[in-house]
Amino acid sequence: MMDSSFDPFSSFFGDFGFHFGGEGNRGRETPKGGNVVMDLYVSLEELYNGNFVEITRKKPVMKPAEGTRKCNCRQEMQTRQLGPGRFQMIQQTVCDECPNVKMVMEERLLEVEIEQGMTDGQEVKFVAEGEPHLDGDPGDLILRIKTQPHPRFERRGDDLYTNVTISLQDALTGFTLDIDHLDGRKVKITREKVTWPGARIRKKGEGMPNYENNNLHGIMYITFDVEFPKNDFTDDEKNSIRELLKQKSVNNVYNGLRGY
């Protein structure tokens, strides 16, 4: 008794591995060389104001050479007849004959735009400036933004943090000072009340420009340190200070790490 599900035509054509539509009609993708990823160190001033930076890159470039070479190699299915009505599909490597090439190191000058408000990890891509591929397209050069340490400011998001040391006299009587900003402006700070060590003030709109909207700026946080006199006082001077401050002795021992 024959199996009604047996299809001789399906079996015959199945030996040839025919495919109609779908993936069988897809073209081969062009191979691509590797990407080159590098860190680009920039100053906080450049990230605040924006800038154009020129970098020099030495890269291998393909040049014509004598002779020919095998290229565009691919795997193709070939049909081989084994006998009457018998066929076998085998996979073979097929290559083209291409002009020969050689790699020559060339120096390229690239101009990189540092946009206002860019942050660490953002990337600038130069298409086809990466590693070459003998039978395809070059890869890309990708530059990752990295901020150099700054002597006055630390950036956190769009905010800037800085510390200012003032004298004990200014801490008690008030003061006016200027902070040099990243664009050369002077940020004026005036304080008339007592300033204790660790006191922090905020200057809105004096932080970094926002990358998406340069008209928006973060906050500048200024933390004050107080420099105490290093000279000794006479007994009369000590009594004058006590009389002036009129403070009681405080001996409160506590766990400062837990905020008690």
C-alpha atoms as a PDB file:
ATOM      1  CA  MET A   1       0.000   0.000   0.000  1.00  0.00           C
ATOM      2  CA  MET A   2       1.484   3.293  -1.128  1.00  0.00           C
ATOM      3  CA  ASP A   3       1.759   6.313   1.136  1.00  0.00           C
ATOM      4  CA  SER A   4      -0.596   8.943  -0.305  1.00  0.00           C
ATOM      5  CA  SER A   5       1.595  11.737   1.097  1.00  0.00           C
ATOM      6  CA  PHE A   6       4.570  10.783  -1.138  1.00  0.00           C
ATOM      7  CA  ASP A   7       5.189  13.392  -3.867  1.00  0.00           C
ATOM      8  CA  PRO A   8       7.817  12.262  -6.404  1.00  0.00           C
ATOM      9  CA  PHE A   9       8.072  15.739  -7.957  1.00  0.00           C
ATOM     10  CA  SER A  10       8.700  17.326  -4.567  1.00  0.00           C
ATOM     11  CA  SER A  11      11.414  14.776  -3.836  1.00  0.00           C
ATOM     12  CA  PHE A  12      13.044  15.262  -7.235  1.00  0.00           C
ATOM     13  CA  PHE A  13      13.162  19.068  -7.100  1.00  0.00           C
ATOM     14  CA  GLY A  14      14.132  18.951  -3.433  1.00  0.00           C
ATOM     15  CA  ASP A  15      17.462  17.325  -4.400  1.00  0.00           C
ATOM     16  CA  PHE A  16      18.345  20.482  -6.293  1.00  0.00           C
ATOM     17  CA  GLY A  17      17.588  22.753  -3.329  1.00  0.00           C
ATOM     18  CA  PHE A  18      15.483  25.184  -5.424  1.00  0.00           C
ATOM     19  CA  HIS A  19      14.144  28.253  -3.567  1.00  0.00           C
ATOM     20  CA  PHE A  20      11.513  30.582  -4.901  1.00  0.00           C
ATOM     21  CA  GLY A  21      11.474  34.117  -3.479  1.00  0.00           C
ATOM     22  CA  GLY A  22      12.463  35.029   0.096  1.00  0.00           C
ATOM     23  CA  GLU A  23      16.112  34.915   1.070  1.00  0.00           C
ATOM     24  CA  GLY A  24      17.160  33.190  -2.120  1.00  0.00           C
ATOM     25  CA  ASN A  25      16.855  36.455  -4.060  1.00  0.00           C
ATOM     26  CA  ARG A  26      18.781  38.620  -1.648  1.00  0.00           C
ATOM     27  CA  GLY A  27      21.935  40.256  -2.975  1.00  0.00           C
ATOM     28  CA  ARG A  28      25.193  39.745  -1.166  1.00  0.00           C
ATOM     29  CA  GLU A  29      26.116  42.527   1.245  1.00  0.00           C
ATOM     30  CA  THR A  30      29.227  44.526   0.455  1.00  0.00           C
ATOM     31  CA  PRO A  31      31.953  43.611   2.965  1.00  0.00           C
ATOM     32  CA  LYS A  32      33.268  46.421   5.137  1.00  0.00           C
ATOM     33  CA  GLY A  33      36.545  47.048   6.918  1.00  0.00           C
ATOM     34  CA  GLY A  34      36.766  47.421  10.677  1.00  0.00           C
ATOM     35  CA  ASN A  35      35.819  50.610  12.501  1.00  0.00           C
ATOM     36  CA  VAL A  36      38.536  52.525  14.332  1.00  0.00           C
ATOM     37  CA  VAL A  37      37.380  53.909  17.713  1.00  0.00           C
ATOM     38  CA  MET A  38      39.536  56.519  19.447  1.00  0.00           C
ATOM     39  CA  ASP A  39      39.167  58.823  22.470  1.00  0.00           C
ATOM     40  CA  LEU A  40      39.353  62.548  21.706  1.00  0.00           C
ATOM     41  CA  TYR A  41      40.399  64.550  24.771  1.00  0.00           C
ATOM     42  CA  VAL A  42      38.979  68.079  24.825  1.00  0.00           C
ATOM     43  CA  SER A  43      39.003  70.890  27.370  1.00  0.00           C
ATOM     44  CA  LEU A  44      36.019  72.066  29.380  1.00  0.00           C
ATOM     45  CA  GLU A  45      36.411  75.461  27.679  1.00  0.00           C
ATOM     46  CA  GLU A  46      35.930  73.802  24.272  1.00  0.00           C
ATOM     47  CA  LEU A  47      32.801  72.000  25.464  1.00  0.00           C
ATOM     48  CA  TYR A  48      31.435  75.272  26.866  1.00  0.00           C
ATOM     49  CA  ASN A  49      32.184  77.524  23.901  1.00  0.00           C
ATOM     50  CA  GLY A  50      32.381  75.058  21.008  1.00  0.00           C
ATOM     51  CA  ASN A  51      35.439  74.694  18.790  1.00  0.00           C
ATOM     52  CA  PHE A  52      36.913  73.117  15.675  1.00  0.00           C
ATOM     53  CA  VAL A  53      39.833  70.759  16.297  1.00  0.00           C
ATOM     54  CA  GLU A  54      42.211  69.465  13.636  1.00  0.00           C
ATOM     55  CA  ILE A  55      43.621  65.966  14.029  1.00  0.00           C
ATOM     56  CA  THR A  56      46.148  64.112  11.883  1.00  0.00           C
ATOM     57  CA  ARG A  57      45.504  60.451  11.082  1.00  0.00           C
ATOM     58  CA  LYS A  58      47.796  58.013   9.336  1.00  0.00           C
ATOM     59  CA  LYS A  59      45.773  55.322   7.607  1.00  0.00           C
ATOM     60  CA  PRO A  60      46.463  52.526   5.082  1.00  0.00           C
ATOM     61  CA  VAL A  61      45.154  53.319   1.614  1.00  0.00           C
ATOM     62  CA  MET A  62      44.896  50.865  -1.297  1.00  0.00           C
ATOM     63  CA  LYS A  63      46.965  51.714  -4.364  1.00  0.00           C
ATOM     64  CA  PRO A  64      47.215  49.842  -7.723  1.00  0.00           C
ATOM     65  CA  ALA A  65      49.963  47.228  -7.993  1.00  0.00           C
ATOM     66  CA  GLU A  66      51.227  44.879 -10.687  1.00  0.00           C
ATOM     67  CA  GLY A  67      49.507  41.574 -11.391  1.00  0.00           C
ATOM     68  CA  THR A  68      46.083  40.230 -10.449  1.00  0.00           C
ATOM     69  CA  ARG A  69      44.560  38.633  -7.397  1.00  0.00           C
ATOM     70  CA  LYS A  70      41.557  36.508  -6.509  1.00  0.00           C
ATOM     71  CA  CYS A  71      38.751  38.680  -5.170  1.00  0.00           C
ATOM     72  CA  ASN A  72      35.035  38.707  -4.421  1.00  0.00           C
ATOM     73  CA  CYS A  73      35.303  35.081  -3.368  1.00  0.00           C
ATOM     74  CA  ARG A  74      31.987  33.422  -2.602  1.00  0.00           C
ATOM     75  CA  GLN A  75      30.450  30.016  -2.002  1.00  0.00           C
ATOM     76  CA  GLU A  76      28.243  28.730  -4.814  1.00  0.00           C
ATOM     77  CA  MET A  77      26.305  25.477  -5.219  1.00  0.00           C
ATOM     78  CA  GLN A  78      27.332  23.415  -8.227  1.00  0.00           C
ATOM     79  CA  THR A  79      25.337  20.442  -9.644  1.00  0.00           C
ATOM     80  CA  ARG A  80      27.252  17.274 -10.550  1.00  0.00           C
ATOM     81  CA  GLN A  81      25.675  14.288 -12.342  1.00  0.00           C
ATOM     82  CA  LEU A  82      26.505  10.981 -10.710  1.00  0.00           C
ATOM     83  CA  GLY A  83      24.643   8.798 -13.159  1.00  0.00           C
ATOM     84  CA  PRO A  84      21.339   8.448 -14.967  1.00  0.00           C
ATOM     85  CA  GLY A  85      18.794  10.450 -12.972  1.00  0.00           C
ATOM     86  CA  ARG A  86      21.247  10.988 -10.104  1.00  0.00           C
ATOM     87  CA  PHE A  87      22.628  14.387  -9.202  1.00  0.00           C
ATOM     88  CA  GLN A  88      24.669  15.805  -6.344  1.00  0.00           C
ATOM     89  CA  MET A  89      24.844  19.424  -5.092  1.00  0.00           C
ATOM     90  CA  ILE A  90      28.307  20.474  -3.899  1.00  0.00           C
ATOM     91  CA  GLN A  91      29.556  23.787  -2.533  1.00  0.00           C
ATOM     92  CA  GLN A  92      32.517  25.375  -4.284  1.00  0.00           C
ATOM     93  CA  THR A  93      34.513  28.554  -3.763  1.00  0.00           C
ATOM     94  CA  VAL A  94      34.304  30.830  -6.797  1.00  0.00           C
ATOM     95  CA  CYS A  95      36.526  33.922  -7.155  1.00  0.00           C
ATOM     96  CA  ASP A  96      36.910  36.746  -9.644  1.00  0.00           C
ATOM     97  CA  GLU A  97      40.218  38.018 -10.995  1.00  0.00           C
ATOM     98  CA  CYS A  98      40.819  41.599  -9.859  1.00  0.00           C
ATOM     99  CA  PRO A  99      43.669  44.061 -10.339  1.00  0.00           C
ATOM    100  CA  ASN A 100      46.291  43.716  -7.637  1.00  0.00           C
ATOM    101  CA  VAL A 101      46.608  46.376  -4.926  1.00  0.00           C
ATOM    102  CA  LYS A 102      49.041  47.338  -2.187  1.00  0.00           C
ATOM    103  CA  MET A 103      48.629  49.230   1.080  1.00  0.00           C
ATOM    104  CA  VAL A 104      50.316  52.619   1.410  1.00  0.00           C
ATOM    105  CA  MET A 105      50.256  54.724   4.594  1.00  0.00           C
ATOM    106  CA  GLU A 106      48.874  58.197   3.998  1.00  0.00           C
ATOM    107  CA  GLU A 107      48.401  61.154   6.335  1.00  0.00           C
ATOM    108  CA  ARG A 108      44.958  62.712   6.525  1.00  0.00           C
ATOM    109  CA  LEU A 109      44.022  66.021   8.187  1.00  0.00           C
ATOM    110  CA  LEU A 110      40.529  65.848   9.695  1.00  0.00           C
ATOM    111  CA  GLU A 111      38.559  68.717  11.212  1.00  0.00           C
ATOM    112  CA  VAL A 112      36.367  67.787  14.175  1.00  0.00           C
ATOM    113  CA  GLU A 113      33.570  70.053  15.392  1.00  0.00           C
ATOM    114  CA  ILE A 114      33.261  70.190  19.178  1.00  0.00           C
ATOM    115  CA  GLU A 115      29.676  71.286  19.746  1.00  0.00           C
ATOM    116  CA  GLN A 116      28.588  73.260  22.791  1.00  0.00           C
ATOM    117  CA  GLY A 117      27.358  71.051  25.608  1.00  0.00           C
ATOM    118  CA  MET A 118      28.706  67.753  24.267  1.00  0.00           C
ATOM    119  CA  THR A 119      29.222  65.139  26.968  1.00  0.00           C
ATOM    120  CA  ASP A 120      31.672  62.314  27.612  1.00  0.00           C
ATOM    121  CA  GLY A 121      30.978  59.305  25.431  1.00  0.00           C
ATOM    122  CA  GLN A 122      29.336  61.210  22.569  1.00  0.00           C
ATOM    123  CA  GLU A 123      30.712  60.158  19.194  1.00  0.00           C
ATOM    124  CA  VAL A 124      31.780  61.952  16.036  1.00  0.00           C
ATOM    125  CA  LYS A 125      31.876  59.654  12.987  1.00  0.00           C
ATOM    126  CA  PHE A 126      33.988  60.018   9.852  1.00  0.00           C
ATOM    127  CA  VAL A 127      32.581  57.649   7.248  1.00  0.00           C
ATOM    128  CA  ALA A 128      35.109  55.508   5.326  1.00  0.00           C
ATOM    129  CA  GLU A 129      38.078  56.750   7.403  1.00  0.00           C
ATOM    130  CA  GLY A 130      38.507  53.410   9.194  1.00  0.00           C
ATOM    131  CA  GLU A 131      40.303  50.233   8.179  1.00  0.00           C
ATOM    132  CA  PRO A 132      40.223  49.336   4.448  1.00  0.00           C
ATOM    133  CA  HIS A 133      38.785  46.127   3.025  1.00  0.00           C
ATOM    134  CA  LEU A 134      40.372  44.565  -0.067  1.00  0.00           C
ATOM    135  CA  ASP A 135      37.046  43.528  -1.560  1.00  0.00           C
ATOM    136  CA  GLY A 136      34.699  46.057  -0.021  1.00  0.00           C
ATOM    137  CA  ASP A 137      34.281  49.455   1.609  1.00  0.00           C
ATOM    138  CA  PRO A 138      36.467  50.984   4.336  1.00  0.00           C
ATOM    139  CA  GLY A 139      35.178  51.087   7.883  1.00  0.00           C
ATOM    140  CA  ASP A 140      34.503  54.287   9.802  1.00  0.00           C
ATOM    141  CA  LEU A 141      36.585  56.383  12.183  1.00  0.00           C
ATOM    142  CA  ILE A 142      34.683  57.032  15.427  1.00  0.00           C
ATOM    143  CA  LEU A 143      35.944  59.641  17.896  1.00  0.00           C
ATOM    144  CA  ARG A 144      34.622  59.477  21.477  1.00  0.00           C
ATOM    145  CA  ILE A 145      34.537  62.712  23.492  1.00  0.00           C
ATOM    146  CA  LYS A 146      36.560  62.657  26.741  1.00  0.00           C
ATOM    147  CA  THR A 147      36.873  65.696  29.027  1.00  0.00           C
ATOM    148  CA  GLN A 148      40.278  66.694  30.321  1.00  0.00           C
ATOM    149  CA  PRO A 149      40.531  67.453  34.070  1.00  0.00           C
ATOM    150  CA  HIS A 150      40.043  71.154  34.812  1.00  0.00           C
ATOM    151  CA  PRO A 151      41.850  73.165  37.512  1.00  0.00           C
ATOM    152  CA  ARG A 152      38.762  75.131  38.650  1.00  0.00           C
ATOM    153  CA  PHE A 153      35.591  73.296  37.678  1.00  0.00           C
ATOM    154  CA  GLU A 154      34.099  69.827  37.790  1.00  0.00           C
ATOM    155  CA  ARG A 155      31.216  69.023  35.474  1.00  0.00           C
ATOM    156  CA  ARG A 156      28.240  66.915  36.528  1.00  0.00           C
ATOM    157  CA  GLY A 157      25.637  66.806  33.792  1.00  0.00           C
ATOM    158  CA  ASP A 158      25.028  70.429  32.836  1.00  0.00           C
ATOM    159  CA  ASP A 159      26.090  71.731  36.277  1.00  0.00           C
ATOM    160  CA  LEU A 160      29.500  73.068  37.278  1.00  0.00           C
ATOM    161  CA  TYR A 161      31.074  72.703  40.726  1.00  0.00           C
ATOM    162  CA  THR A 162      33.922  74.774  42.123  1.00  0.00           C
ATOM    163  CA  ASN A 163      35.506  75.582  45.499  1.00  0.00           C
ATOM    164  CA  VAL A 164      36.598  78.994  46.782  1.00  0.00           C
ATOM    165  CA  THR A 165      38.822  79.597  49.802  1.00  0.00           C
ATOM    166  CA  ILE A 166      38.170  82.817  51.742  1.00  0.00           C
ATOM    167  CA  SER A 167      39.799  84.274  54.827  1.00  0.00           C
ATOM    168  CA  LEU A 168      38.230  84.013  58.273  1.00  0.00           C
ATOM    169  CA  GLN A 169      37.808  87.779  58.227  1.00  0.00           C
ATOM    170  CA  ASP A 170      35.794  87.638  54.985  1.00  0.00           C
ATOM    171  CA  ALA A 171      33.852  84.655  56.302  1.00  0.00           C
ATOM    172  CA  LEU A 172      32.728  86.735  59.301  1.00  0.00           C
ATOM    173  CA  THR A 173      32.249  90.165  57.712  1.00  0.00           C
ATOM    174  CA  GLY A 174      31.260  89.447  54.093  1.00  0.00           C
ATOM    175  CA  PHE A 175      33.080  89.798  50.797  1.00  0.00           C
ATOM    176  CA  THR A 176      32.905  90.354  47.034  1.00  0.00           C
ATOM    177  CA  LEU A 177      34.952  88.279  44.581  1.00  0.00           C
ATOM    178  CA  ASP A 178      35.093  87.354  40.901  1.00  0.00           C
ATOM    179  CA  ILE A 179      35.274  83.834  39.443  1.00  0.00           C
ATOM    180  CA  ASP A 180      36.793  83.464  35.978  1.00  0.00           C
ATOM    181  CA  HIS A 181      34.279  81.595  33.846  1.00  0.00           C
ATOM    182  CA  LEU A 182      35.028  79.250  30.940  1.00  0.00           C
ATOM    183  CA  ASP A 183      34.285  81.940  28.342  1.00  0.00           C
ATOM    184  CA  GLY A 184      36.475  84.607  30.003  1.00  0.00           C
ATOM    185  CA  ARG A 185      33.638  86.414  31.799  1.00  0.00           C
ATOM    186  CA  LYS A 186      33.796  87.347  35.465  1.00  0.00           C
ATOM    187  CA  VAL A 187      31.076  85.858  37.676  1.00  0.00           C
ATOM    188  CA  LYS A 188      30.632  88.230  40.607  1.00  0.00           C
ATOM    189  CA  ILE A 189      29.923  86.759  44.035  1.00  0.00           C
ATOM    190  CA  THR A 190      28.762  89.076  46.837  1.00  0.00           C
ATOM    191  CA  ARG A 191      27.975  87.833  50.322  1.00  0.00           C
ATOM    192  CA  GLU A 192      27.202  89.985  53.355  1.00  0.00           C
ATOM    193  CA  LYS A 193      26.250  87.330  55.879  1.00  0.00           C
ATOM    194  CA  VAL A 194      28.519  84.953  57.783  1.00  0.00           C
ATOM    195  CA  THR A 195      29.961  82.166  55.637  1.00  0.00           C
ATOM    196  CA  TRP A 196      30.818  78.922  57.401  1.00  0.00           C
ATOM    197  CA  PRO A 197      33.191  76.243  56.086  1.00  0.00           C
ATOM    198  CA  GLY A 198      31.328  74.040  53.616  1.00  0.00           C
ATOM    199  CA  ALA A 199      28.649  76.634  52.839  1.00  0.00           C
ATOM    200  CA  ARG A 200      27.391  76.356  49.248  1.00  0.00           C
ATOM    201  CA  ILE A 201      25.637  78.861  47.017  1.00  0.00           C
ATOM    202  CA  ARG A 202      24.054  78.451  43.577  1.00  0.00           C
ATOM    203  CA  LYS A 203      24.355  80.657  40.519  1.00  0.00           C
ATOM    204  CA  LYS A 204      21.562  79.763  38.107  1.00  0.00           C
ATOM    205  CA  GLY A 205      22.363  79.887  34.416  1.00  0.00           C
ATOM    206  CA  GLU A 206      26.130  79.788  34.954  1.00  0.00           C
ATOM    207  CA  GLY A 207      26.569  76.074  34.295  1.00  0.00           C
ATOM    208  CA  MET A 208      27.264  74.276  31.015  1.00  0.00           C
ATOM    209  CA  PRO A 209      25.109  74.881  27.938  1.00  0.00           C
ATOM    210  CA  ASN A 210      22.629  72.108  27.240  1.00  0.00           C
ATOM    211  CA  TYR A 211      23.571  70.091  24.163  1.00  0.00           C
ATOM    212  CA  GLU A 212      20.030  69.949  22.790  1.00  0.00           C
ATOM    213  CA  ASN A 213      19.323  73.634  23.496  1.00  0.00           C
ATOM    214  CA  ASN A 214      22.352  75.881  23.916  1.00  0.00           C
ATOM    215  CA  ASN A 215      20.151  78.667  25.278  1.00  0.00           C
ATOM    216  CA  LEU A 216      19.640  76.618  28.448  1.00  0.00           C
ATOM    217  CA  HIS A 217      22.439  76.454  31.021  1.00  0.00           C
ATOM    218  CA  GLY A 218      22.908  74.445  34.173  1.00  0.00           C
ATOM    219  CA  ILE A 219      23.777  75.738  37.643  1.00  0.00           C
ATOM    220  CA  MET A 220      27.145  76.706  39.078  1.00  0.00           C
ATOM    221  CA  TYR A 221      27.602  75.421  42.634  1.00  0.00           C
ATOM    222  CA  ILE A 222      30.220  77.253  44.714  1.00  0.00           C
ATOM    223  CA  THR A 223      31.422  75.671  47.967  1.00  0.00           C
ATOM    224  CA  PHE A 224      33.413  77.811  50.405  1.00  0.00           C
ATOM    225  CA  ASP A 225      36.424  76.818  52.434  1.00  0.00           C
ATOM    226  CA  VAL A 226      37.613  79.101  55.238  1.00  0.00           C
ATOM    227  CA  GLU A 227      41.290  79.690  55.882  1.00  0.00           C
ATOM    228  CA  PHE A 228      41.938  80.222  59.584  1.00  0.00           C
ATOM    229  CA  PRO A 229      44.789  82.409  60.845  1.00  0.00           C
ATOM    230  CA  LYS A 230      47.988  80.530  61.584  1.00  0.00           C
ATOM    231  CA  ASN A 231      49.437  83.086  64.005  1.00  0.00           C
ATOM    232  CA  ASP A 232      48.925  82.978  67.771  1.00  0.00           C
ATOM    233  CA  PHE A 233      46.931  85.653  69.600  1.00  0.00           C
ATOM    234  CA  THR A 234      47.834  87.448  72.776  1.00  0.00           C
ATOM    235  CA  ASP A 235      45.640  87.111  75.846  1.00  0.00           C
ATOM    236  CA  ASP A 236      44.184  90.556  75.242  1.00  0.00           C
ATOM    237  CA  GLU A 237      43.382  89.684  71.617  1.00  0.00           C
ATOM    238  CA  LYS A 238      41.734  86.433  72.701  1.00  0.00           C
ATOM    239  CA  ASN A 239      39.582  88.305  75.231  1.00  0.00           C
ATOM    240  CA  SER A 240      38.642  90.805  72.528  1.00  0.00           C
ATOM    241  CA  ILE A 241      37.582  88.022  70.209  1.00  0.00           C
ATOM    242  CA  ARG A 242      35.503  86.369  72.935  1.00  0.00           C
ATOM    243  CA  GLU A 243      33.889  89.692  73.746  1.00  0.00           C
ATOM    244  CA  LEU A 244      33.162  90.345  70.094  1.00  0.00           C
ATOM    245  CA  LEU A 245      31.728  86.928  69.241  1.00  0.00           C
ATOM    246  CA  LYS A 246      29.923  86.296  72.530  1.00  0.00           C
ATOM    247  CA  GLN A 247      29.799  82.551  71.847  1.00  0.00           C
ATOM    248  CA  LYS A 248      29.483  79.838  74.438  1.00  0.00           C
ATOM    249  CA  SER A 249      31.840  76.885  74.351  1.00  0.00           C
ATOM    250  CA  VAL A 250      30.317  73.988  72.418  1.00  0.00           C
ATOM    251  CA  ASN A 251      31.547  70.435  73.004  1.00  0.00           C
ATOM    252  CA  ASN A 252      29.015  68.351  71.122  1.00  0.00           C
ATOM    253  CA  VAL A 253      30.515  64.959  70.269  1.00  0.00           C
ATOM    254  CA  TYR A 254      28.502  63.140  67.608  1.00  0.00           C
ATOM    255  CA  ASN A 255      28.722  60.750  64.649  1.00  0.00           C
ATOM    256  CA  GLY A 256      29.060  63.164  61.758  1.00  0.00           C
ATOM    257  CA  LEU A 257      29.000  60.400  59.167  1.00  0.00           C
ATOM    258  CA  ARG A 258      25.379  59.611  60.032  1.00  0.00           C
ATOM    259  CA  GLY A 259      24.266  63.207  60.218  1.00  0.00           C
ATOM    260  CA  TYR A 260      23.205  63.175  63.873  1.00  0.00           C
END
